[in-house]
């Protein structure tokens, strides 16, 4: 998985091509982490590192929200017989 250093923090991300995508997008998912999505038919696209660097405030805030979500997630406790 590629990574990038933003504000002293190492950010791991994945790159995916999509037939349905019309433009480049970024998303943060609990299971997949940070993902940069490119349209499958895009010929001359900027690099993922350039995109993430350009949008670094959004990326850092999204990663922060993801970590906060993980920390405050409800912990299930199962009782015998459930």
PDB file of N, CA and C in Angstrom:
ATOM      1  N   UNK A   1       0.847  -1.170   0.000  1.00  0.00           N
ATOM      2  CA  UNK A   1       0.000   0.000   0.000  1.00  0.00           C
ATOM      3  C   UNK A   1       0.899   1.242   0.000  1.00  0.00           C
ATOM      4  N   UNK A   2       0.709   2.160  -0.948  1.00  0.00           N
ATOM      5  CA  UNK A   2       1.549   3.360  -0.978  1.00  0.00           C
ATOM      6  C   UNK A   2       1.282   4.260   0.224  1.00  0.00           C
ATOM      7  N   UNK A   3       2.259   5.087   0.551  1.00  0.00           N
ATOM      8  CA  UNK A   3       2.058   6.032   1.647  1.00  0.00           C
ATOM      9  C   UNK A   3       2.660   7.385   1.304  1.00  0.00           C
ATOM     10  N   UNK A   4       2.280   8.383   2.100  1.00  0.00           N
ATOM     11  CA  UNK A   4       2.678   9.761   1.879  1.00  0.00           C
ATOM     12  C   UNK A   4       2.819  10.427   3.233  1.00  0.00           C
ATOM     13  N   UNK A   5       3.810  11.298   3.371  1.00  0.00           N
ATOM     14  CA  UNK A   5       4.006  12.006   4.623  1.00  0.00           C
ATOM     15  C   UNK A   5       3.376  13.390   4.513  1.00  0.00           C
ATOM     16  N   UNK A   6       2.377  13.669   5.359  1.00  0.00           N
ATOM     17  CA  UNK A   6       1.701  14.964   5.413  1.00  0.00           C
ATOM     18  C   UNK A   6       1.789  15.505   6.832  1.00  0.00           C
ATOM     19  N   UNK A   7       2.362  16.688   6.987  1.00  0.00           N
ATOM     20  CA  UNK A   7       2.504  17.318   8.307  1.00  0.00           C
ATOM     21  C   UNK A   7       3.144  16.378   9.328  1.00  0.00           C
ATOM     22  N   UNK A   8       4.123  15.614   8.896  1.00  0.00           N
ATOM     23  CA  UNK A   8       4.832  14.717   9.795  1.00  0.00           C
ATOM     24  C   UNK A   8       4.101  13.412  10.082  1.00  0.00           C
ATOM     25  N   UNK A   9       2.958  13.209   9.474  1.00  0.00           N
ATOM     26  CA  UNK A   9       2.163  12.002   9.686  1.00  0.00           C
ATOM     27  C   UNK A   9       2.197  11.158   8.414  1.00  0.00           C
ATOM     28  N   UNK A  10       2.486   9.867   8.555  1.00  0.00           N
ATOM     29  CA  UNK A  10       2.512   8.983   7.398  1.00  0.00           C
ATOM     30  C   UNK A  10       1.091   8.482   7.140  1.00  0.00           C
ATOM     31  N   UNK A  11       0.606   8.745   5.931  1.00  0.00           N
ATOM     32  CA  UNK A  11      -0.746   8.387   5.527  1.00  0.00           C
ATOM     33  C   UNK A  11      -0.665   7.284   4.481  1.00  0.00           C
ATOM     34  N   UNK A  12      -1.298   6.151   4.754  1.00  0.00           N
ATOM     35  CA  UNK A  12      -1.376   5.068   3.772  1.00  0.00           C
ATOM     36  C   UNK A  12      -2.654   5.243   2.962  1.00  0.00           C
ATOM     37  N   UNK A  13      -2.585   4.932   1.684  1.00  0.00           N
ATOM     38  CA  UNK A  13      -3.750   5.075   0.818  1.00  0.00           C
ATOM     39  C   UNK A  13      -3.714   4.003  -0.261  1.00  0.00           C
ATOM     40  N   UNK A  14      -4.852   3.822  -0.907  1.00  0.00           N
ATOM     41  CA  UNK A  14      -4.928   2.896  -2.035  1.00  0.00           C
ATOM     42  C   UNK A  14      -5.466   3.650  -3.243  1.00  0.00           C
ATOM     43  N   UNK A  15      -5.195   3.119  -4.420  1.00  0.00           N
ATOM     44  CA  UNK A  15      -5.636   3.714  -5.675  1.00  0.00           C
ATOM     45  C   UNK A  15      -6.539   2.715  -6.376  1.00  0.00           C
ATOM     46  N   UNK A  16      -7.663   3.207  -6.888  1.00  0.00           N
ATOM     47  CA  UNK A  16      -8.599   2.325  -7.577  1.00  0.00           C
ATOM     48  C   UNK A  16      -9.115   3.017  -8.832  1.00  0.00           C
ATOM     49  N   UNK A  17      -9.301   2.261  -9.893  1.00  0.00           N
ATOM     50  CA  UNK A  17      -9.914   2.776 -11.116  1.00  0.00           C
ATOM     51  C   UNK A  17     -11.344   2.270 -11.167  1.00  0.00           C
ATOM     52  N   UNK A  18     -12.250   3.157 -11.571  1.00  0.00           N
ATOM     53  CA  UNK A  18     -13.665   2.817 -11.601  1.00  0.00           C
ATOM     54  C   UNK A  18     -14.274   3.172 -12.946  1.00  0.00           C
ATOM     55  N   UNK A  19     -15.043   2.269 -13.498  1.00  0.00           N
ATOM     56  CA  UNK A  19     -15.757   2.548 -14.747  1.00  0.00           C
ATOM     57  C   UNK A  19     -16.891   3.534 -14.524  1.00  0.00           C
ATOM     58  N   UNK A  20     -17.434   3.577 -13.318  1.00  0.00           N
ATOM     59  CA  UNK A  20     -18.557   4.468 -13.014  1.00  0.00           C
ATOM     60  C   UNK A  20     -18.133   5.878 -12.649  1.00  0.00           C
ATOM     61  N   UNK A  21     -16.883   6.073 -12.237  1.00  0.00           N
ATOM     62  CA  UNK A  21     -16.428   7.397 -11.803  1.00  0.00           C
ATOM     63  C   UNK A  21     -16.342   8.358 -12.986  1.00  0.00           C
ATOM     64  N   UNK A  22     -16.767   9.590 -12.758  1.00  0.00           N
ATOM     65  CA  UNK A  22     -16.696  10.633 -13.783  1.00  0.00           C
ATOM     66  C   UNK A  22     -15.532  11.582 -13.533  1.00  0.00           C
ATOM     67  N   UNK A  23     -15.061  11.629 -12.294  1.00  0.00           N
ATOM     68  CA  UNK A  23     -13.942  12.498 -11.926  1.00  0.00           C
ATOM     69  C   UNK A  23     -13.147  11.845 -10.795  1.00  0.00           C
ATOM     70  N   UNK A  24     -11.996  12.393 -10.514  1.00  0.00           N
ATOM     71  CA  UNK A  24     -11.147  11.872  -9.436  1.00  0.00           C
ATOM     72  C   UNK A  24     -11.811  12.199  -8.103  1.00  0.00           C
ATOM     73  N   UNK A  25     -11.836  11.233  -7.210  1.00  0.00           N
ATOM     74  CA  UNK A  25     -12.407  11.465  -5.885  1.00  0.00           C
ATOM     75  C   UNK A  25     -11.553  10.787  -4.826  1.00  0.00           C
ATOM     76  N   UNK A  26     -11.747  11.224  -3.601  1.00  0.00           N
ATOM     77  CA  UNK A  26     -11.079  10.623  -2.449  1.00  0.00           C
ATOM     78  C   UNK A  26     -12.164  10.230  -1.469  1.00  0.00           C
ATOM     79  N   UNK A  27     -11.958   9.120  -0.804  1.00  0.00           N
ATOM     80  CA  UNK A  27     -12.911   8.706   0.214  1.00  0.00           C
ATOM     81  C   UNK A  27     -12.175   7.993   1.333  1.00  0.00           C
ATOM     82  N   UNK A  28     -12.764   8.060   2.510  1.00  0.00           N
ATOM     83  CA  UNK A  28     -12.217   7.377   3.678  1.00  0.00           C
ATOM     84  C   UNK A  28     -13.270   6.387   4.148  1.00  0.00           C
ATOM     85  N   UNK A  29     -12.870   5.149   4.258  1.00  0.00           N
ATOM     86  CA  UNK A  29     -13.767   4.073   4.650  1.00  0.00           C
ATOM     87  C   UNK A  29     -13.186   3.383   5.876  1.00  0.00           C
ATOM     88  N   UNK A  30     -14.051   2.943   6.768  1.00  0.00           N
ATOM     89  CA  UNK A  30     -13.600   2.277   7.994  1.00  0.00           C
ATOM     90  C   UNK A  30     -12.768   1.043   7.666  1.00  0.00           C
ATOM     91  N   UNK A  31     -13.166   0.284   6.653  1.00  0.00           N
ATOM     92  CA  UNK A  31     -12.466  -0.955   6.317  1.00  0.00           C
ATOM     93  C   UNK A  31     -11.323  -0.746   5.335  1.00  0.00           C
ATOM     94  N   UNK A  32     -11.488   0.145   4.370  1.00  0.00           N
ATOM     95  CA  UNK A  32     -10.492   0.330   3.315  1.00  0.00           C
ATOM     96  C   UNK A  32      -9.490   1.441   3.597  1.00  0.00           C
ATOM     97  N   UNK A  33      -9.783   2.323   4.516  1.00  0.00           N
ATOM     98  CA  UNK A  33      -8.910   3.458   4.779  1.00  0.00           C
ATOM     99  C   UNK A  33      -9.090   4.533   3.714  1.00  0.00           C
ATOM    100  N   UNK A  34      -8.030   5.266   3.408  1.00  0.00           N
ATOM    101  CA  UNK A  34      -8.074   6.338   2.425  1.00  0.00           C
ATOM    102  C   UNK A  34      -7.905   5.749   1.033  1.00  0.00           C
ATOM    103  N   UNK A  35      -8.787   6.149   0.130  1.00  0.00           N
ATOM    104  CA  UNK A  35      -8.784   5.605  -1.224  1.00  0.00           C
ATOM    105  C   UNK A  35      -8.922   6.754  -2.225  1.00  0.00           C
ATOM    106  N   UNK A  36      -8.083   6.741  -3.256  1.00  0.00           N
ATOM    107  CA  UNK A  36      -8.176   7.692  -4.356  1.00  0.00           C
ATOM    108  C   UNK A  36      -8.762   6.935  -5.535  1.00  0.00           C
ATOM    109  N   UNK A  37      -9.882   7.451  -6.075  1.00  0.00           N
ATOM    110  CA  UNK A  37     -10.591   6.766  -7.154  1.00  0.00           C
ATOM    111  C   UNK A  37     -10.441   7.578  -8.442  1.00  0.00           C
ATOM    112  N   UNK A  38      -9.965   6.909  -9.477  1.00  0.00           N
ATOM    113  CA  UNK A  38      -9.796   7.523 -10.800  1.00  0.00           C
ATOM    114  C   UNK A  38     -10.830   6.950 -11.762  1.00  0.00           C
ATOM    115  N   UNK A  39     -11.337   7.773 -12.695  1.00  0.00           N
ATOM    116  CA  UNK A  39     -12.150   7.215 -13.775  1.00  0.00           C
ATOM    117  C   UNK A  39     -11.286   6.270 -14.621  1.00  0.00           C
ATOM    118  N   UNK A  40     -11.834   5.160 -15.027  1.00  0.00           N
ATOM    119  CA  UNK A  40     -11.067   4.164 -15.774  1.00  0.00           C
ATOM    120  C   UNK A  40     -10.582   4.699 -17.122  1.00  0.00           C
ATOM    121  N   UNK A  41     -11.324   5.621 -17.710  1.00  0.00           N
ATOM    122  CA  UNK A  41     -10.970   6.114 -19.037  1.00  0.00           C
ATOM    123  C   UNK A  41     -10.152   7.408 -19.020  1.00  0.00           C
ATOM    124  N   UNK A  42      -9.670   7.840 -17.864  1.00  0.00           N
ATOM    125  CA  UNK A  42      -8.898   9.082 -17.767  1.00  0.00           C
ATOM    126  C   UNK A  42      -7.485   8.853 -18.295  1.00  0.00           C
ATOM    127  N   UNK A  43      -7.075   9.664 -19.259  1.00  0.00           N
ATOM    128  CA  UNK A  43      -5.773   9.492 -19.911  1.00  0.00           C
ATOM    129  C   UNK A  43      -4.633  10.183 -19.154  1.00  0.00           C
ATOM    130  N   UNK A  44      -4.773  11.470 -18.893  1.00  0.00           N
ATOM    131  CA  UNK A  44      -3.705  12.250 -18.268  1.00  0.00           C
ATOM    132  C   UNK A  44      -4.157  12.719 -16.888  1.00  0.00           C
ATOM    133  N   UNK A  45      -3.921  11.896 -15.902  1.00  0.00           N
ATOM    134  CA  UNK A  45      -4.364  12.204 -14.545  1.00  0.00           C
ATOM    135  C   UNK A  45      -3.181  12.609 -13.685  1.00  0.00           C
ATOM    136  N   UNK A  46      -3.394  13.549 -12.762  1.00  0.00           N
ATOM    137  CA  UNK A  46      -2.327  13.865 -11.808  1.00  0.00           C
ATOM    138  C   UNK A  46      -2.077  12.663 -10.891  1.00  0.00           C
ATOM    139  N   UNK A  47      -0.891  12.612 -10.328  1.00  0.00           N
ATOM    140  CA  UNK A  47      -0.575  11.484  -9.447  1.00  0.00           C
ATOM    141  C   UNK A  47      -1.391  11.571  -8.161  1.00  0.00           C
ATOM    142  N   UNK A  48      -1.588  10.431  -7.529  1.00  0.00           N
ATOM    143  CA  UNK A  48      -2.337  10.383  -6.275  1.00  0.00           C
ATOM    144  C   UNK A  48      -1.637  11.209  -5.204  1.00  0.00           C
ATOM    145  N   UNK A  49      -0.294  11.174  -5.192  1.00  0.00           N
ATOM    146  CA  UNK A  49       0.447  11.968  -4.205  1.00  0.00           C
ATOM    147  C   UNK A  49       0.190  13.462  -4.400  1.00  0.00           C
ATOM    148  N   UNK A  50       0.139  13.917  -5.656  1.00  0.00           N
ATOM    149  CA  UNK A  50      -0.155  15.328  -5.923  1.00  0.00           C
ATOM    150  C   UNK A  50      -1.559  15.696  -5.455  1.00  0.00           C
ATOM    151  N   UNK A  51      -2.515  14.835  -5.709  1.00  0.00           N
ATOM    152  CA  UNK A  51      -3.896  15.091  -5.303  1.00  0.00           C
ATOM    153  C   UNK A  51      -3.999  15.161  -3.781  1.00  0.00           C
ATOM    154  N   UNK A  52      -3.402  14.184  -3.104  1.00  0.00           N
ATOM    155  CA  UNK A  52      -3.475  14.151  -1.643  1.00  0.00           C
ATOM    156  C   UNK A  52      -2.744  15.327  -1.009  1.00  0.00           C
ATOM    157  N   UNK A  53      -1.628  15.731  -1.595  1.00  0.00           N
ATOM    158  CA  UNK A  53      -0.890  16.883  -1.085  1.00  0.00           C
ATOM    159  C   UNK A  53      -1.704  18.159  -1.265  1.00  0.00           C
ATOM    160  N   UNK A  54      -2.334  18.300  -2.414  1.00  0.00           N
ATOM    161  CA  UNK A  54      -3.142  19.484  -2.696  1.00  0.00           C
ATOM    162  C   UNK A  54      -4.332  19.583  -1.733  1.00  0.00           C
ATOM    163  N   UNK A  55      -4.886  18.446  -1.359  1.00  0.00           N
ATOM    164  CA  UNK A  55      -6.054  18.417  -0.476  1.00  0.00           C
ATOM    165  C   UNK A  55      -5.677  17.953   0.931  1.00  0.00           C
ATOM    166  N   UNK A  56      -4.465  18.244   1.353  1.00  0.00           N
ATOM    167  CA  UNK A  56      -3.974  17.738   2.638  1.00  0.00           C
ATOM    168  C   UNK A  56      -4.826  18.152   3.843  1.00  0.00           C
ATOM    169  N   UNK A  57      -5.375  19.379   3.917  1.00  0.00           N
ATOM    170  CA  UNK A  57      -6.230  19.677   5.083  1.00  0.00           C
ATOM    171  C   UNK A  57      -7.429  18.733   5.177  1.00  0.00           C
ATOM    172  N   UNK A  58      -8.071  18.459   4.046  1.00  0.00           N
ATOM    173  CA  UNK A  58      -9.219  17.543   4.050  1.00  0.00           C
ATOM    174  C   UNK A  58      -8.768  16.134   4.443  1.00  0.00           C
ATOM    175  N   UNK A  59      -7.661  15.683   3.879  1.00  0.00           N
ATOM    176  CA  UNK A  59      -7.154  14.331   4.154  1.00  0.00           C
ATOM    177  C   UNK A  59      -6.861  14.163   5.644  1.00  0.00           C
ATOM    178  N   UNK A  60      -6.154  15.114   6.227  1.00  0.00           N
ATOM    179  CA  UNK A  60      -5.799  15.019   7.639  1.00  0.00           C
ATOM    180  C   UNK A  60      -7.039  15.047   8.529  1.00  0.00           C
ATOM    181  N   UNK A  61      -8.020  15.881   8.191  1.00  0.00           N
ATOM    182  CA  UNK A  61      -9.253  15.937   8.975  1.00  0.00           C
ATOM    183  C   UNK A  61     -10.044  14.636   8.844  1.00  0.00           C
ATOM    184  N   UNK A  62     -10.100  14.071   7.650  1.00  0.00           N
ATOM    185  CA  UNK A  62     -10.820  12.816   7.433  1.00  0.00           C
ATOM    186  C   UNK A  62     -10.171  11.666   8.201  1.00  0.00           C
ATOM    187  N   UNK A  63      -8.847  11.612   8.193  1.00  0.00           N
ATOM    188  CA  UNK A  63      -8.128  10.570   8.945  1.00  0.00           C
ATOM    189  C   UNK A  63      -8.364  10.750  10.445  1.00  0.00           C
ATOM    190  N   UNK A  64      -8.370  11.987  10.897  1.00  0.00           N
ATOM    191  CA  UNK A  64      -8.627  12.272  12.313  1.00  0.00           C
ATOM    192  C   UNK A  64     -10.026  11.798  12.703  1.00  0.00           C
ATOM    193  N   UNK A  65     -11.024  12.081  11.860  1.00  0.00           N
ATOM    194  CA  UNK A  65     -12.396  11.626  12.138  1.00  0.00           C
ATOM    195  C   UNK A  65     -12.476  10.102  12.158  1.00  0.00           C
ATOM    196  N   UNK A  66     -11.740   9.464  11.267  1.00  0.00           N
ATOM    197  CA  UNK A  66     -11.734   7.996  11.220  1.00  0.00           C
ATOM    198  C   UNK A  66     -11.163   7.417  12.513  1.00  0.00           C
ATOM    199  N   UNK A  67     -10.055   7.975  12.985  1.00  0.00           N
ATOM    200  CA  UNK A  67      -9.448   7.490  14.227  1.00  0.00           C
ATOM    201  C   UNK A  67     -10.357   7.762  15.427  1.00  0.00           C
ATOM    202  N   UNK A  68     -11.034   8.908  15.423  1.00  0.00           N
ATOM    203  CA  UNK A  68     -11.968   9.225  16.502  1.00  0.00           C
ATOM    204  C   UNK A  68     -13.127   8.238  16.495  1.00  0.00           C
ATOM    205  N   UNK A  69     -13.608   7.917  15.311  1.00  0.00           N
ATOM    206  CA  UNK A  69     -14.710   6.950  15.185  1.00  0.00           C
ATOM    207  C   UNK A  69     -14.297   5.587  15.737  1.00  0.00           C
ATOM    208  N   UNK A  70     -13.079   5.148  15.418  1.00  0.00           N
ATOM    209  CA  UNK A  70     -12.597   3.861  15.914  1.00  0.00           C
ATOM    210  C   UNK A  70     -12.480   3.871  17.434  1.00  0.00           C
ATOM    211  N   UNK A  71     -12.039   4.992  17.992  1.00  0.00           N
ATOM    212  CA  UNK A  71     -11.822   5.072  19.436  1.00  0.00           C
ATOM    213  C   UNK A  71     -13.138   5.092  20.210  1.00  0.00           C
ATOM    214  N   UNK A  72     -14.185   5.680  19.625  1.00  0.00           N
ATOM    215  CA  UNK A  72     -15.442   5.824  20.354  1.00  0.00           C
ATOM    216  C   UNK A  72     -16.495   4.806  19.947  1.00  0.00           C
ATOM    217  N   UNK A  73     -16.119   3.871  19.099  1.00  0.00           N
ATOM    218  CA  UNK A  73     -17.075   2.866  18.651  1.00  0.00           C
ATOM    219  C   UNK A  73     -17.570   2.022  19.815  1.00  0.00           C
ATOM    220  N   UNK A  74     -18.830   1.693  19.779  1.00  0.00           N
ATOM    221  CA  UNK A  74     -19.440   0.884  20.827  1.00  0.00           C
ATOM    222  C   UNK A  74     -18.792  -0.491  20.866  1.00  0.00           C
ATOM    223  N   UNK A  75     -18.348  -0.876  22.029  1.00  0.00           N
ATOM    224  CA  UNK A  75     -17.748  -2.195  22.213  1.00  0.00           C
ATOM    225  C   UNK A  75     -18.842  -3.165  22.642  1.00  0.00           C
ATOM    226  N   UNK A  76     -19.064  -4.202  21.864  1.00  0.00           N
ATOM    227  CA  UNK A  76     -20.085  -5.178  22.212  1.00  0.00           C
ATOM    228  C   UNK A  76     -19.545  -6.188  23.197  1.00  0.00           C
ATOM    229  N   UNK A  77     -20.364  -6.485  24.149  1.00  0.00           N
ATOM    230  CA  UNK A  77     -20.016  -7.503  25.133  1.00  0.00           C
ATOM    231  C   UNK A  77     -21.086  -8.583  25.089  1.00  0.00           C
ATOM    232  N   UNK A  78     -20.666  -9.769  24.799  1.00  0.00           N
ATOM    233  CA  UNK A  78     -21.623 -10.871  24.684  1.00  0.00           C
ATOM    234  C   UNK A  78     -21.677 -11.642  25.994  1.00  0.00           C
ATOM    235  N   UNK A  79     -22.886 -11.991  26.361  1.00  0.00           N
ATOM    236  CA  UNK A  79     -23.106 -12.782  27.549  1.00  0.00           C
ATOM    237  C   UNK A  79     -23.307 -14.226  27.120  1.00  0.00           C
ATOM    238  N   UNK A  80     -22.991 -15.124  27.997  1.00  0.00           N
ATOM    239  CA  UNK A  80     -23.195 -16.533  27.718  1.00  0.00           C
ATOM    240  C   UNK A  80     -24.667 -16.778  27.379  1.00  0.00           C
ATOM    241  N   UNK A  81     -24.920 -17.500  26.284  1.00  0.00           N
ATOM    242  CA  UNK A  81     -26.295 -17.816  25.893  1.00  0.00           C
ATOM    243  C   UNK A  81     -26.854 -16.893  24.827  1.00  0.00           C
ATOM    244  N   UNK A  82     -26.098 -15.891  24.428  1.00  0.00           N
ATOM    245  CA  UNK A  82     -26.582 -14.964  23.380  1.00  0.00           C
ATOM    246  C   UNK A  82     -26.218 -15.451  22.019  1.00  0.00           C
TER     247      UNK A  82
END
